[in-house]
Amino acid sequence: MAGTVEGDHVDVHVDVVGMWVTADGHIRQELLPDGRYVEARGERRCAYTGRYTVTGSHLDYVDDTGFTATGDIRDGVLHHEHLVLHRERTSS
């Protein structure tokens, strides 16, 4: 988790950076450390691109065309509008 401290208040944000994938692998959303994202759908590697912000466990998205969406991390799962995405695990 990352966050900022202001006085005695700690604002903690869930670490969302990485690849998030639907169970069938059709939708892959890469959340980059610079606040940008790239979403692939099927064979379309860059179906959507844009920026995101994190407040606690809530995400706000704005794609490069101006379309907005939201998401929430619950129990380690990203619920992005009607999608359910799981963090892709890298092999060690």
Foldseek 3Di string as FASTA:
>chain_A
DDWDDDPPDTFDWDDDAAWWAAPVRQWIWGQHPVQKIAIHGHPRRRPWIFGWDTGHQKIWTQTPVGDIWIWGQDPQWICTPPTIIHGDDDDD
